[in-house]
Amino acid sequence: MKQYDDLKATYLYCNNCGSSKPVRERLLLILPDGYLFEYNCSSCGGILGDKRTRLKNEDKLILK
């Protein structure tokens, strides 16, 4: 059984700030097999990580 669909980070450690900071999720690319998101620090704007998710069935119909 599926317990979750997608995880979303709210806080990540920022090396520039030296502590855990709230993050902003930004869509970078829509790829043929999914989405590529980037996480940015809310304080300094540094890149803290990225996330790749699968395309939803509704979106697959649009991209064909």
C-alpha atoms as a PDB file:
ATOM      1  CA  MET A   1       0.000   0.000   0.000  1.00  0.00           C
ATOM      2  CA  LYS A   2       1.100   3.522  -0.816  1.00  0.00           C
ATOM      3  CA  GLN A   3       1.591   5.643   2.305  1.00  0.00           C
ATOM      4  CA  TYR A   4       2.420   8.968   0.661  1.00  0.00           C
ATOM      5  CA  ASP A   5       2.462  10.544  -2.781  1.00  0.00           C
ATOM      6  CA  ASP A   6       5.192  13.158  -2.460  1.00  0.00           C
ATOM      7  CA  LEU A   7       7.446  14.576   0.260  1.00  0.00           C
ATOM      8  CA  LYS A   8       8.038  18.307   0.470  1.00  0.00           C
ATOM      9  CA  ALA A   9      10.957  19.808   2.420  1.00  0.00           C
ATOM     10  CA  THR A  10      10.142  22.783   4.630  1.00  0.00           C
ATOM     11  CA  TYR A  11      13.506  23.244   6.402  1.00  0.00           C
ATOM     12  CA  LEU A  12      16.999  22.264   5.235  1.00  0.00           C
ATOM     13  CA  TYR A  13      20.478  22.967   6.586  1.00  0.00           C
ATOM     14  CA  CYS A  14      22.183  25.925   4.879  1.00  0.00           C
ATOM     15  CA  ASN A  15      26.009  25.984   4.896  1.00  0.00           C
ATOM     16  CA  ASN A  16      26.054  29.738   4.196  1.00  0.00           C
ATOM     17  CA  CYS A  17      23.803  30.593   7.162  1.00  0.00           C
ATOM     18  CA  GLY A  18      25.134  27.830   9.424  1.00  0.00           C
ATOM     19  CA  SER A  19      21.722  26.568  10.543  1.00  0.00           C
ATOM     20  CA  SER A  20      18.487  24.992   9.413  1.00  0.00           C
ATOM     21  CA  LYS A  21      16.421  27.491   7.394  1.00  0.00           C
ATOM     22  CA  PRO A  22      13.015  27.507   5.703  1.00  0.00           C
ATOM     23  CA  VAL A  23      13.205  26.721   2.002  1.00  0.00           C
ATOM     24  CA  ARG A  24      11.395  27.737  -1.163  1.00  0.00           C
ATOM     25  CA  GLU A  25      10.623  25.089  -3.745  1.00  0.00           C
ATOM     26  CA  ARG A  26      11.081  26.265  -7.337  1.00  0.00           C
ATOM     27  CA  LEU A  27      10.201  24.353 -10.504  1.00  0.00           C
ATOM     28  CA  LEU A  28      13.252  24.226 -12.785  1.00  0.00           C
ATOM     29  CA  LEU A  29      12.283  21.868 -15.616  1.00  0.00           C
ATOM     30  CA  ILE A  30       9.467  19.715 -16.888  1.00  0.00           C
ATOM     31  CA  LEU A  31      11.176  16.585 -18.181  1.00  0.00           C
ATOM     32  CA  PRO A  32       9.643  13.790 -20.290  1.00  0.00           C
ATOM     33  CA  ASP A  33       9.449  11.556 -17.206  1.00  0.00           C
ATOM     34  CA  GLY A  34       8.841  14.120 -14.434  1.00  0.00           C
ATOM     35  CA  TYR A  35       9.526  17.469 -12.801  1.00  0.00           C
ATOM     36  CA  LEU A  36      12.799  18.846 -11.465  1.00  0.00           C
ATOM     37  CA  PHE A  37      12.513  21.172  -8.457  1.00  0.00           C
ATOM     38  CA  GLU A  38      15.196  23.197  -6.683  1.00  0.00           C
ATOM     39  CA  TYR A  39      15.215  24.141  -2.982  1.00  0.00           C
ATOM     40  CA  ASN A  40      16.514  27.623  -2.100  1.00  0.00           C
ATOM     41  CA  CYS A  41      17.291  29.084   1.325  1.00  0.00           C
ATOM     42  CA  SER A  42      14.719  31.727   2.320  1.00  0.00           C
ATOM     43  CA  SER A  43      17.397  33.834   4.043  1.00  0.00           C
ATOM     44  CA  CYS A  44      20.373  33.939   1.663  1.00  0.00           C
ATOM     45  CA  GLY A  45      18.900  32.427  -1.533  1.00  0.00           C
ATOM     46  CA  GLY A  46      21.533  29.677  -1.721  1.00  0.00           C
ATOM     47  CA  ILE A  47      20.747  26.382  -3.449  1.00  0.00           C
ATOM     48  CA  LEU A  48      20.242  23.685  -0.818  1.00  0.00           C
ATOM     49  CA  GLY A  49      19.155  20.738  -2.938  1.00  0.00           C
ATOM     50  CA  ASP A  50      16.838  19.430  -5.617  1.00  0.00           C
ATOM     51  CA  LYS A  51      13.997  16.972  -6.043  1.00  0.00           C
ATOM     52  CA  ARG A  52      12.689  14.964  -8.981  1.00  0.00           C
ATOM     53  CA  THR A  53       9.095  13.748  -9.150  1.00  0.00           C
ATOM     54  CA  ARG A  54       7.119  11.731 -11.690  1.00  0.00           C
ATOM     55  CA  LEU A  55       4.616  13.230 -14.091  1.00  0.00           C
ATOM     56  CA  LYS A  56       0.975  12.998 -13.118  1.00  0.00           C
ATOM     57  CA  ASN A  57      -1.347  11.144 -15.491  1.00  0.00           C
ATOM     58  CA  GLU A  58      -3.178  14.392 -16.370  1.00  0.00           C
ATOM     59  CA  ASP A  59       0.102  16.064 -17.337  1.00  0.00           C
ATOM     60  CA  LYS A  60       1.139  13.156 -19.562  1.00  0.00           C
ATOM     61  CA  LEU A  61      -1.902  13.816 -21.740  1.00  0.00           C
ATOM     62  CA  ILE A  62      -0.961  17.491 -22.147  1.00  0.00           C
ATOM     63  CA  LEU A  63       2.641  16.759 -23.150  1.00  0.00           C
ATOM     64  CA  LYS A  64       1.770  14.244 -25.874  1.00  0.00           C
END
